[in-house]
Each structure stands twice: as C-alpha cells, then as structure tokens.
Amino acid sequence: MAEIPVDVIAEDMYQMVAEYAGKKNLKPGDLTKAMIAKHGEAACSKDACKLAIRQLVESSRCVYSYLGGSYIQLPPKEGAPEA
C-alpha cells in the first residue's frame, strides 16, 4: 500500500480537531493514533503524522496550547476572550 501524502493526513487531522473543538482536547499522540487507525500502519507512519502536525501549526490552521499538557487546538477567533 502506498504512503498517504502528508497533506491528506494534515487535512484529516484538521477535520478531527475542528470536530472536537470545545468538546475534547486532543494531544498530538491522539491525532497520530487516530490517523494510523484510519489509514493503516503501512500507509501512515508516525513521522508522516509529525510532519502533518508541523504543517498545521506552521500554517496557523492549528495551535499548540498548554493546559497541563500539550494539546492541538484551533486558533482563537479574532476578538474572542483568551481562555
């Protein structure tokens, strides 16, 4: 089976973060496990997931937050109060 492109993994991760926004905080490991479960270990490596997370954060589609641990979340909306 061919390796899934990092862009596809990043988009799937973004959809998952958006779906759980305000409901559950997702750790990078949670996203990695979910992507490997979805695409299969042969097609989705931990390294590809790390690159996808980096791509999401560097493009400002997601941000790291530290609430007693590292979590990946959607960036705060403009004008919204800081949590």
N, C-alpha and C. Protein backbone atom coordinates (compact mmCIF):
# COMPACT_ATOMS: atom_id res chain seq x y z
N MET A 1 0.85 -1.19 0.00
CA MET A 1 0.00 0.00 0.00
C MET A 1 0.90 1.25 0.00
N ALA A 2 0.51 2.24 -0.73
CA ALA A 2 1.30 3.47 -0.86
C ALA A 2 1.14 4.36 0.38
N GLU A 3 2.17 5.11 0.64
CA GLU A 3 2.16 6.07 1.76
C GLU A 3 1.16 7.18 1.45
N ILE A 4 0.34 7.53 2.43
CA ILE A 4 -0.62 8.63 2.29
C ILE A 4 0.16 9.95 2.28
N PRO A 5 -0.14 10.89 1.37
CA PRO A 5 0.57 12.18 1.38
C PRO A 5 0.33 12.94 2.69
N VAL A 6 1.35 13.66 3.12
CA VAL A 6 1.29 14.43 4.37
C VAL A 6 0.14 15.43 4.33
N ASP A 7 -0.12 16.02 3.16
CA ASP A 7 -1.22 16.98 3.03
C ASP A 7 -2.57 16.35 3.38
N VAL A 8 -2.77 15.10 2.97
CA VAL A 8 -4.02 14.40 3.25
C VAL A 8 -4.14 14.12 4.74
N ILE A 9 -3.05 13.68 5.35
CA ILE A 9 -3.05 13.42 6.79
C ILE A 9 -3.34 14.71 7.55
N ALA A 10 -2.70 15.81 7.13
CA ALA A 10 -2.90 17.10 7.79
C ALA A 10 -4.37 17.53 7.69
N GLU A 11 -4.97 17.35 6.54
CA GLU A 11 -6.38 17.73 6.36
C GLU A 11 -7.28 16.88 7.25
N ASP A 12 -7.01 15.57 7.32
CA ASP A 12 -7.80 14.69 8.19
C ASP A 12 -7.65 15.09 9.65
N MET A 13 -6.43 15.45 10.05
CA MET A 13 -6.20 15.90 11.43
C MET A 13 -6.95 17.19 11.71
N TYR A 14 -6.91 18.11 10.76
CA TYR A 14 -7.61 19.39 10.93
C TYR A 14 -9.11 19.15 11.13
N GLN A 15 -9.68 18.26 10.31
CA GLN A 15 -11.11 17.95 10.43
C GLN A 15 -11.43 17.38 11.81
N MET A 16 -10.53 16.53 12.32
CA MET A 16 -10.75 15.92 13.63
C MET A 16 -10.66 16.98 14.73
N VAL A 17 -9.67 17.87 14.66
CA VAL A 17 -9.53 18.94 15.66
C VAL A 17 -10.76 19.84 15.62
N ALA A 18 -11.22 20.17 14.42
CA ALA A 18 -12.40 21.04 14.28
C ALA A 18 -13.64 20.35 14.86
N GLU A 19 -13.76 19.05 14.62
CA GLU A 19 -14.92 18.29 15.11
C GLU A 19 -14.97 18.27 16.65
N TYR A 20 -13.81 18.16 17.28
CA TYR A 20 -13.76 18.06 18.74
C TYR A 20 -13.54 19.40 19.43
N ALA A 21 -13.47 20.48 18.68
CA ALA A 21 -13.22 21.81 19.25
C ALA A 21 -14.27 22.13 20.31
N GLY A 22 -13.82 22.50 21.51
CA GLY A 22 -14.72 22.84 22.59
C GLY A 22 -15.29 21.64 23.33
N LYS A 23 -15.06 20.43 22.81
CA LYS A 23 -15.59 19.22 23.43
C LYS A 23 -14.50 18.41 24.11
N LYS A 24 -13.37 18.28 23.42
CA LYS A 24 -12.28 17.46 23.93
C LYS A 24 -10.96 18.03 23.43
N ASN A 25 -9.97 18.08 24.32
CA ASN A 25 -8.63 18.50 23.92
C ASN A 25 -7.88 17.29 23.38
N LEU A 26 -7.29 17.44 22.21
CA LEU A 26 -6.56 16.35 21.57
C LEU A 26 -5.06 16.56 21.67
N LYS A 27 -4.37 15.54 22.13
CA LYS A 27 -2.92 15.58 22.19
C LYS A 27 -2.37 15.14 20.84
N PRO A 28 -1.13 15.51 20.53
CA PRO A 28 -0.52 15.05 19.27
C PRO A 28 -0.57 13.53 19.13
N GLY A 29 -0.35 12.82 20.22
CA GLY A 29 -0.41 11.35 20.19
C GLY A 29 -1.80 10.82 19.85
N ASP A 30 -2.84 11.52 20.32
CA ASP A 30 -4.22 11.13 19.99
C ASP A 30 -4.45 11.23 18.49
N LEU A 31 -3.97 12.32 17.90
CA LEU A 31 -4.15 12.52 16.46
C LEU A 31 -3.36 11.47 15.67
N THR A 32 -2.15 11.18 16.11
CA THR A 32 -1.31 10.19 15.43
C THR A 32 -1.98 8.82 15.46
N LYS A 33 -2.45 8.41 16.64
CA LYS A 33 -3.12 7.10 16.77
C LYS A 33 -4.37 7.04 15.89
N ALA A 34 -5.14 8.12 15.86
CA ALA A 34 -6.36 8.14 15.06
C ALA A 34 -6.06 8.02 13.56
N MET A 35 -5.00 8.69 13.11
CA MET A 35 -4.64 8.64 11.68
C MET A 35 -4.11 7.26 11.29
N ILE A 36 -3.32 6.64 12.18
CA ILE A 36 -2.81 5.30 11.90
C ILE A 36 -3.98 4.31 11.88
N ALA A 37 -4.94 4.48 12.79
CA ALA A 37 -6.11 3.60 12.80
C ALA A 37 -6.96 3.79 11.54
N LYS A 38 -7.05 5.02 11.08
CA LYS A 38 -7.88 5.32 9.90
C LYS A 38 -7.24 4.82 8.61
N HIS A 39 -5.95 5.10 8.43
CA HIS A 39 -5.28 4.81 7.16
C HIS A 39 -4.48 3.51 7.16
N GLY A 40 -4.20 2.97 8.34
CA GLY A 40 -3.40 1.76 8.42
C GLY A 40 -1.93 2.08 8.65
N GLU A 41 -1.26 1.20 9.38
CA GLU A 41 0.14 1.43 9.75
C GLU A 41 1.06 1.47 8.54
N ALA A 42 0.72 0.70 7.51
CA ALA A 42 1.57 0.64 6.31
C ALA A 42 1.51 1.94 5.51
N ALA A 43 0.38 2.65 5.58
CA ALA A 43 0.19 3.85 4.76
C ALA A 43 0.41 5.15 5.53
N CYS A 44 0.46 5.07 6.85
CA CYS A 44 0.54 6.29 7.67
C CYS A 44 1.54 6.07 8.79
N SER A 45 2.70 6.67 8.69
CA SER A 45 3.75 6.49 9.70
C SER A 45 3.68 7.60 10.75
N LYS A 46 4.34 7.34 11.89
CA LYS A 46 4.40 8.36 12.94
C LYS A 46 5.14 9.59 12.43
N ASP A 47 6.18 9.38 11.63
CA ASP A 47 6.93 10.51 11.08
C ASP A 47 6.06 11.37 10.18
N ALA A 48 5.22 10.73 9.36
CA ALA A 48 4.31 11.48 8.48
C ALA A 48 3.31 12.28 9.33
N CYS A 49 2.86 11.70 10.43
CA CYS A 49 1.94 12.41 11.32
C CYS A 49 2.61 13.61 11.97
N LYS A 50 3.87 13.45 12.36
CA LYS A 50 4.61 14.58 12.93
C LYS A 50 4.73 15.71 11.92
N LEU A 51 5.02 15.35 10.67
CA LEU A 51 5.12 16.37 9.62
C LEU A 51 3.78 17.05 9.38
N ALA A 52 2.70 16.28 9.45
CA ALA A 52 1.36 16.84 9.25
C ALA A 52 1.02 17.83 10.36
N ILE A 53 1.35 17.47 11.61
CA ILE A 53 1.11 18.38 12.74
C ILE A 53 1.93 19.65 12.57
N ARG A 54 3.20 19.49 12.19
CA ARG A 54 4.05 20.67 11.97
C ARG A 54 3.45 21.56 10.89
N GLN A 55 2.96 20.95 9.82
CA GLN A 55 2.36 21.71 8.72
C GLN A 55 1.14 22.50 9.21
N LEU A 56 0.30 21.87 10.03
CA LEU A 56 -0.89 22.56 10.56
C LEU A 56 -0.51 23.74 11.45
N VAL A 57 0.50 23.56 12.29
CA VAL A 57 0.90 24.62 13.21
C VAL A 57 1.60 25.75 12.46
N GLU A 58 2.50 25.40 11.54
CA GLU A 58 3.23 26.43 10.80
C GLU A 58 2.32 27.24 9.88
N SER A 59 1.25 26.62 9.39
CA SER A 59 0.30 27.34 8.53
C SER A 59 -0.74 28.10 9.35
N SER A 60 -0.65 28.00 10.68
CA SER A 60 -1.58 28.67 11.61
C SER A 60 -3.01 28.14 11.53
N ARG A 61 -3.19 26.96 10.96
CA ARG A 61 -4.53 26.35 10.96
C ARG A 61 -4.84 25.78 12.34
N CYS A 62 -3.80 25.37 13.06
CA CYS A 62 -3.93 24.87 14.43
C CYS A 62 -2.82 25.49 15.27
N VAL A 63 -3.02 25.44 16.58
CA VAL A 63 -2.01 25.95 17.51
C VAL A 63 -1.80 24.94 18.63
N TYR A 64 -0.60 25.01 19.21
CA TYR A 64 -0.34 24.24 20.43
C TYR A 64 -0.88 25.04 21.60
N SER A 65 -1.50 24.37 22.55
CA SER A 65 -1.88 25.02 23.80
C SER A 65 -1.36 24.15 24.93
N TYR A 66 -1.08 24.77 26.03
CA TYR A 66 -0.51 24.06 27.17
C TYR A 66 -1.45 24.20 28.35
N LEU A 67 -2.20 23.15 28.63
CA LEU A 67 -3.17 23.15 29.72
C LEU A 67 -2.84 21.94 30.61
N GLY A 68 -1.66 21.96 31.22
CA GLY A 68 -1.23 20.81 31.99
C GLY A 68 -0.66 19.73 31.09
N GLY A 69 -0.56 20.00 29.82
CA GLY A 69 -0.03 19.10 28.80
C GLY A 69 -0.15 19.79 27.45
N SER A 70 0.47 19.23 26.45
CA SER A 70 0.42 19.84 25.10
C SER A 70 -0.81 19.34 24.36
N TYR A 71 -1.56 20.27 23.83
CA TYR A 71 -2.76 19.94 23.05
C TYR A 71 -2.72 20.70 21.73
N ILE A 72 -3.39 20.14 20.74
CA ILE A 72 -3.53 20.81 19.44
C ILE A 72 -4.97 21.31 19.36
N GLN A 73 -5.12 22.60 19.10
CA GLN A 73 -6.45 23.20 19.03
C GLN A 73 -6.53 24.14 17.84
N LEU A 74 -7.76 24.55 17.53
CA LEU A 74 -7.95 25.60 16.53
C LEU A 74 -7.49 26.91 17.13
N PRO A 75 -6.96 27.82 16.32
CA PRO A 75 -6.54 29.11 16.87
C PRO A 75 -7.74 29.88 17.39
N PRO A 76 -7.53 30.74 18.40
CA PRO A 76 -8.65 31.53 18.92
C PRO A 76 -9.20 32.48 17.86
N LYS A 77 -10.49 32.71 17.90
CA LYS A 77 -11.12 33.63 16.95
C LYS A 77 -10.70 35.06 17.28
N GLU A 78 -10.64 35.91 16.26
CA GLU A 78 -10.30 37.32 16.45
C GLU A 78 -11.36 37.96 17.36
N GLY A 79 -10.89 38.68 18.37
CA GLY A 79 -11.81 39.38 19.25
C GLY A 79 -12.40 38.52 20.35
N ALA A 80 -12.12 37.22 20.33
CA ALA A 80 -12.65 36.33 21.35
C ALA A 80 -11.80 36.47 22.61
N PRO A 81 -12.39 36.34 23.77
CA PRO A 81 -11.61 36.45 25.01
C PRO A 81 -10.65 35.26 25.13
N GLU A 82 -9.48 35.54 25.68
CA GLU A 82 -8.50 34.47 25.89
C GLU A 82 -8.99 33.52 26.95
N ALA A 83 -8.77 32.23 26.77
CA ALA A 83 -9.23 31.24 27.74
C ALA A 83 -8.26 31.13 28.89
